[in-house]
């Protein structure tokens, strides 16, 4: 049967602001920096490559990314996902504005790469400004601006493998369209026959809102913002890292008609997420009034995190 979409959750302590922190200082992850994963994904899915090229990355060529996915695929079990949902989806880490969290995320800096000095806000602005230039609705622009705010999980002490990376359903058989599928052999769920069938714990075409996705920043930012955004934006935030589905068509046996319709929006969003990064800095001071007005149009002064 379909698993219920929400679970009872326990209270956590309040969000504690911290001084400037680096990924090296935070540790608990195999990547040099979070952008290493973003760059890897963008190169895998760059337009003009065939799908065979997407799968040509060897462990030797990408040792940091390879180790990242080894940990991700080993530890992202159904039990782990349920534990993280219970820990974070109570949204009990305090009320903060979108701007406070964006600025807090800016304390996550990379001291391992002297050639990369764009702030997290500047990266988000690159995405949203590309969307804005193409004349999309304001809610679409806003989705671009906030889509990575869930990476604040790194500043809550979460390891990188439970914050970024391709997302996928847990509680059913893993698709071979997920990057490095061979690493699932070490996942304890691979030894659970009930989780290794096509549908696993779910019913055919039950709908993705009934499916537990691997834990990460997508699921977190969706739950934080879902009461304020139109449904297409919710899908963009929740499934922008679900590459096996929106790039390769996997897991359609779990999707209902609403999912099929909404995934057209996810596909529209994906190129902006992948291809908007550049060395050119957005003029944050000049752009801020527009984004302050945009955020205020959809969100109250503070929301629960």
Protein backbone atom coordinates (compact mmCIF):
# COMPACT_ATOMS: atom_id res chain seq x y z
CA UNK A 1 0.00 0.00 0.00
CA UNK A 2 1.01 3.63 -0.30
CA UNK A 3 3.01 5.00 2.59
CA UNK A 4 1.47 8.05 4.31
CA UNK A 5 3.07 11.35 3.26
CA UNK A 6 3.67 12.71 6.78
CA UNK A 7 4.71 11.30 10.14
CA UNK A 8 4.57 12.47 13.74
CA UNK A 9 7.78 14.31 14.54
CA UNK A 10 9.77 15.33 17.59
CA UNK A 11 10.90 18.76 18.66
CA UNK A 12 14.45 19.84 18.07
CA UNK A 13 16.44 22.68 19.59
CA UNK A 14 16.38 26.20 18.16
CA UNK A 15 18.43 27.24 15.17
CA UNK A 16 21.77 28.55 16.39
CA UNK A 17 23.50 31.17 14.30
CA UNK A 18 27.20 30.63 13.84
CA UNK A 19 30.19 32.65 12.66
CA UNK A 20 31.58 32.14 9.19
CA UNK A 21 32.13 28.44 8.70
CA UNK A 22 33.84 26.54 5.94
CA UNK A 23 33.01 23.19 4.45
CA UNK A 24 36.40 21.98 5.58
CA UNK A 25 35.63 23.12 9.13
CA UNK A 26 32.20 21.52 9.06
CA UNK A 27 33.67 18.32 7.67
CA UNK A 28 31.54 15.13 7.61
CA UNK A 29 31.45 14.95 3.83
CA UNK A 30 33.65 13.56 1.03
CA UNK A 31 33.38 16.54 -1.35
CA UNK A 32 35.80 19.45 -1.32
CA UNK A 33 32.78 21.79 -1.51
CA UNK A 34 29.07 21.70 -2.30
CA UNK A 35 29.63 23.26 -5.71
CA UNK A 36 31.64 20.17 -6.68
CA UNK A 37 28.39 18.22 -6.80
CA UNK A 38 26.60 20.99 -8.72
CA UNK A 39 29.40 21.12 -11.28
CA UNK A 40 29.36 17.34 -11.62
CA UNK A 41 25.62 17.32 -12.28
CA UNK A 42 25.85 20.16 -14.78
CA UNK A 43 28.62 18.41 -16.71
CA UNK A 44 26.68 15.13 -16.74
CA UNK A 45 23.59 16.77 -18.18
CA UNK A 46 25.11 19.45 -20.38
CA UNK A 47 23.10 19.89 -23.55
CA UNK A 48 24.56 18.23 -26.62
CA UNK A 49 25.74 15.09 -24.82
CA UNK A 50 24.16 11.72 -25.34
CA UNK A 51 22.87 9.72 -22.41
CA UNK A 52 25.82 7.36 -22.84
CA UNK A 53 28.12 10.30 -22.18
CA UNK A 54 26.25 11.07 -18.96
CA UNK A 55 27.29 7.68 -17.59
CA UNK A 56 30.95 7.89 -18.64
CA UNK A 57 32.28 9.24 -15.34
CA UNK A 58 34.65 6.82 -13.69
CA UNK A 59 35.58 6.56 -10.04
CA UNK A 60 39.15 7.46 -10.97
CA UNK A 61 38.09 10.66 -12.75
CA UNK A 62 35.80 11.90 -9.96
CA UNK A 63 37.06 10.49 -6.65
CA UNK A 64 35.32 13.08 -4.45
CA UNK A 65 31.97 12.74 -6.19
CA UNK A 66 32.35 8.96 -6.32
CA UNK A 67 32.96 8.74 -2.57
CA UNK A 68 30.06 11.12 -1.99
CA UNK A 69 27.67 8.80 -3.84
CA UNK A 70 29.14 5.73 -2.18
CA UNK A 71 28.14 7.20 1.19
CA UNK A 72 24.82 8.55 -0.09
CA UNK A 73 23.72 5.25 -1.62
CA UNK A 74 24.91 3.25 1.37
CA UNK A 75 23.16 5.29 4.06
CA UNK A 76 19.97 6.61 2.42
CA UNK A 77 17.69 3.87 3.72
CA UNK A 78 13.97 4.06 4.42
CA UNK A 79 14.67 4.13 8.16
CA UNK A 80 17.17 6.96 7.71
CA UNK A 81 14.67 9.00 5.71
CA UNK A 82 11.96 8.48 8.32
CA UNK A 83 14.36 9.55 11.08
CA UNK A 84 15.36 12.73 9.24
CA UNK A 85 11.75 13.60 8.49
CA UNK A 86 10.96 13.17 12.17
CA UNK A 87 13.91 15.36 13.10
CA UNK A 88 13.46 18.24 10.66
CA UNK A 89 9.89 18.38 9.37
CA UNK A 90 8.45 19.65 12.62
CA UNK A 91 10.04 22.92 11.48
CA UNK A 92 10.94 23.73 15.05
CA UNK A 93 14.27 25.50 14.50
CA UNK A 94 12.78 28.94 14.88
CA UNK A 95 11.01 31.54 12.78
CA UNK A 96 13.23 33.24 10.23
CA UNK A 97 12.68 35.30 7.13
CA UNK A 98 13.73 34.07 3.71
CA UNK A 99 16.43 36.75 3.76
CA UNK A 100 17.78 35.69 7.16
CA UNK A 101 18.20 32.11 5.98
CA UNK A 102 19.76 33.20 2.68
CA UNK A 103 22.25 35.35 4.58
CA UNK A 104 22.83 32.59 7.12
CA UNK A 105 23.58 30.22 4.25
CA UNK A 106 26.22 32.69 3.15
CA UNK A 107 28.21 31.70 6.25
CA UNK A 108 28.84 28.43 4.43
CA UNK A 109 31.97 29.42 2.56
CA UNK A 110 34.50 27.35 0.69
CA UNK A 111 38.10 27.73 1.86
CA UNK A 112 39.31 24.84 -0.27
CA UNK A 113 38.89 26.46 -3.68
CA UNK A 114 40.51 29.90 -4.11
CA UNK A 115 39.07 30.22 -7.62
CA UNK A 116 35.43 30.09 -6.49
CA UNK A 117 34.27 33.08 -4.52
CA UNK A 118 30.62 33.60 -5.44
CA UNK A 119 28.36 33.70 -2.40
CA UNK A 120 25.38 31.42 -2.07
CA UNK A 121 23.02 34.37 -2.64
CA UNK A 122 24.87 35.33 -5.82
CA UNK A 123 24.51 31.77 -7.12
CA UNK A 124 20.76 31.85 -6.41
CA UNK A 125 20.48 35.22 -8.15
CA UNK A 126 22.19 33.81 -11.23
CA UNK A 127 19.47 31.17 -11.46
CA UNK A 128 16.55 33.49 -10.77
CA UNK A 129 17.82 36.26 -13.04
CA UNK A 130 18.12 33.81 -15.95
CA UNK A 131 14.49 32.82 -15.33
CA UNK A 132 13.45 36.44 -15.08
CA UNK A 133 15.19 37.38 -18.35
CA UNK A 134 13.14 34.75 -20.16
CA UNK A 135 9.89 36.34 -19.00
CA UNK A 136 8.58 33.60 -16.73
CA UNK A 137 5.97 34.29 -14.00
CA UNK A 138 7.11 35.90 -10.76
CA UNK A 139 6.53 32.71 -8.76
CA UNK A 140 8.89 30.92 -11.18
CA UNK A 141 11.55 33.57 -10.58
CA UNK A 142 11.05 33.17 -6.83
CA UNK A 143 11.45 29.38 -7.09
CA UNK A 144 14.83 29.98 -8.71
CA UNK A 145 15.87 32.33 -5.94
CA UNK A 146 14.99 29.98 -3.06
CA UNK A 147 15.52 26.53 -4.56
CA UNK A 148 18.82 25.84 -2.77
CA UNK A 149 17.99 27.37 0.61
CA UNK A 150 17.47 23.85 1.95
CA UNK A 151 21.26 23.47 1.89
CA UNK A 152 21.11 25.26 5.24
CA UNK A 153 20.91 21.65 6.50
CA UNK A 154 24.72 21.62 6.20
CA UNK A 155 24.82 24.35 8.83
CA UNK A 156 22.60 22.25 11.08
CA UNK A 157 25.42 19.69 11.09
CA UNK A 158 24.05 17.32 8.44
CA UNK A 159 26.65 15.43 6.37
CA UNK A 160 26.83 16.41 2.71
CA UNK A 161 25.52 13.06 1.52
CA UNK A 162 22.21 13.80 3.28
CA UNK A 163 21.92 17.33 1.87
CA UNK A 164 22.81 17.25 -1.84
CA UNK A 165 22.99 14.62 -4.55
CA UNK A 166 20.49 13.02 -6.92
CA UNK A 167 17.29 12.12 -5.06
CA UNK A 168 15.35 8.89 -5.47
CA UNK A 169 12.52 6.93 -3.83
CA UNK A 170 13.33 4.67 -0.91
CA UNK A 171 11.27 1.62 0.06
CA UNK A 172 11.29 0.16 -3.44
CA UNK A 173 13.82 -1.12 -5.98
CA UNK A 174 16.45 1.40 -7.06
CA UNK A 175 16.47 2.37 -10.72
CA UNK A 176 19.62 1.76 -12.73
CA UNK A 177 19.14 5.31 -14.05
CA UNK A 178 20.40 6.70 -10.73
CA UNK A 179 24.04 7.73 -10.91
CA UNK A 180 26.43 5.03 -9.57
CA UNK A 181 23.65 2.45 -9.02
CA UNK A 182 26.23 -0.20 -8.12
CA UNK A 183 26.76 1.48 -4.75
CA UNK A 184 23.27 0.47 -3.61
CA UNK A 185 24.62 -3.04 -3.05
CA UNK A 186 25.97 -1.82 0.31
CA UNK A 187 22.63 -0.29 1.33
CA UNK A 188 20.93 -2.37 4.08
CA UNK A 189 17.60 -2.02 2.25
CA UNK A 190 19.05 -4.04 -0.62
CA UNK A 191 18.88 -7.06 1.71
CA UNK A 192 15.16 -6.45 2.43
CA UNK A 193 13.05 -8.35 -0.14
CA UNK A 194 9.99 -6.16 0.53
CA UNK A 195 11.96 -3.10 -0.59
CA UNK A 196 13.41 -4.67 -3.71
CA UNK A 197 10.32 -5.10 -5.86
CA UNK A 198 9.27 -2.61 -8.52
CA UNK A 199 6.62 -1.04 -6.26
CA UNK A 200 8.05 -1.96 -2.86
CA UNK A 201 5.85 -0.49 -0.10
CA UNK A 202 3.84 1.59 -2.60
CA UNK A 203 0.87 1.00 -4.89
CA UNK A 204 0.97 1.40 -8.68
CA UNK A 205 0.58 5.04 -9.75
CA UNK A 206 -0.03 6.07 -6.15
CA UNK A 207 1.48 9.54 -6.71
CA UNK A 208 4.81 10.96 -5.61
CA UNK A 209 3.27 12.75 -2.64
CA UNK A 210 2.81 9.24 -1.20
CA UNK A 211 6.42 8.24 -1.87
CA UNK A 212 9.33 8.75 0.52
CA UNK A 213 12.23 10.38 -1.32
CA UNK A 214 15.85 10.18 -0.19
CA UNK A 215 16.55 12.93 2.33
CA UNK A 216 18.08 16.21 1.25
CA UNK A 217 17.69 19.93 0.67
CA UNK A 218 14.90 19.46 -1.91
CA UNK A 219 12.51 17.79 0.52
CA UNK A 220 13.34 20.21 3.32
CA UNK A 221 12.79 23.44 1.36
CA UNK A 222 9.57 22.02 -0.09
CA UNK A 223 8.12 21.48 3.38
CA UNK A 224 9.32 24.86 4.62
CA UNK A 225 7.68 26.77 1.76
CA UNK A 226 4.80 24.58 0.52
CA UNK A 227 2.04 26.66 2.12
CA UNK A 228 3.07 29.80 0.25
CA UNK A 229 3.78 28.80 -3.35
CA UNK A 230 1.71 27.57 -6.31
CA UNK A 231 1.88 23.87 -7.05
CA UNK A 232 4.27 24.07 -10.04
CA UNK A 233 6.80 25.87 -7.84
CA UNK A 234 6.35 23.22 -5.14
CA UNK A 235 7.23 20.52 -7.66
CA UNK A 236 10.28 22.45 -8.83
CA UNK A 237 11.63 22.71 -5.30
CA UNK A 238 10.80 19.15 -4.27
CA UNK A 239 12.01 17.30 -7.35
CA UNK A 240 14.73 19.42 -8.97
CA UNK A 241 17.34 16.77 -8.02
CA UNK A 242 15.17 13.80 -9.04
CA UNK A 243 17.16 13.31 -12.24
CA UNK A 244 16.26 9.66 -12.73
CA UNK A 245 12.65 10.77 -13.26
CA UNK A 246 12.82 14.09 -15.07
CA UNK A 247 15.86 13.25 -17.22
CA UNK A 248 15.47 9.53 -17.80
CA UNK A 249 11.77 8.81 -17.24
CA UNK A 250 12.33 6.38 -14.35
CA UNK A 251 9.72 5.74 -11.65
CA UNK A 252 6.76 6.64 -13.84
CA UNK A 253 5.05 3.55 -12.41
CA UNK A 254 4.71 5.51 -9.14
CA UNK A 255 3.57 8.78 -10.73
CA UNK A 256 -0.07 9.74 -11.16
CA UNK A 257 -1.57 12.08 -13.75
CA UNK A 258 -0.94 15.14 -11.61
CA UNK A 259 2.74 14.23 -11.30
CA UNK A 260 3.00 13.83 -15.07
CA UNK A 261 1.54 17.30 -15.61
CA UNK A 262 3.62 19.00 -12.93
CA UNK A 263 6.87 17.40 -14.07
CA UNK A 264 6.67 19.51 -17.21
CA UNK A 265 7.39 22.45 -14.90
CA UNK A 266 10.28 20.60 -13.28
CA UNK A 267 11.75 20.05 -16.75
CA UNK A 268 11.37 23.76 -17.53
CA UNK A 269 13.17 24.67 -14.32
CA UNK A 270 16.06 22.21 -14.68
CA UNK A 271 18.09 24.04 -17.38
CA UNK A 272 18.15 27.21 -15.30
CA UNK A 273 19.42 25.26 -12.31
CA UNK A 274 22.16 23.57 -14.34
CA UNK A 275 23.36 26.15 -16.82
CA UNK A 276 23.01 29.58 -15.18
CA UNK A 277 26.32 29.51 -13.27
CA UNK A 278 28.95 31.93 -14.55
CA UNK A 279 31.83 34.02 -13.29
CA UNK A 280 29.82 37.23 -13.71
CA UNK A 281 28.61 38.53 -10.37
CA UNK A 282 24.99 39.67 -10.06
CA UNK A 283 24.71 43.20 -8.66
CA UNK A 284 23.11 42.26 -5.37
CA UNK A 285 22.67 45.84 -4.18
CA UNK A 286 20.89 46.79 -7.38
CA UNK A 287 18.72 43.67 -7.49
CA UNK A 288 17.75 43.48 -3.81
CA UNK A 289 14.73 45.84 -3.98
CA UNK A 290 13.15 43.66 -6.69
CA UNK A 291 13.70 40.48 -4.69
CA UNK A 292 12.55 42.03 -1.43
CA UNK A 293 9.29 42.91 -3.16
CA UNK A 294 9.08 39.46 -4.75
CA UNK A 295 9.64 37.60 -1.48
CA UNK A 296 7.11 39.83 0.33
CA UNK A 297 4.50 39.06 -2.34
CA UNK A 298 4.48 35.36 -1.42
CA UNK A 299 5.84 35.07 2.14
CA UNK A 300 5.06 36.66 5.50
CA UNK A 301 7.85 38.42 7.34
CA UNK A 302 8.95 35.17 9.01
CA UNK A 303 8.20 31.48 8.50
CA UNK A 304 9.00 28.30 10.41
CA UNK A 305 12.27 26.49 9.68
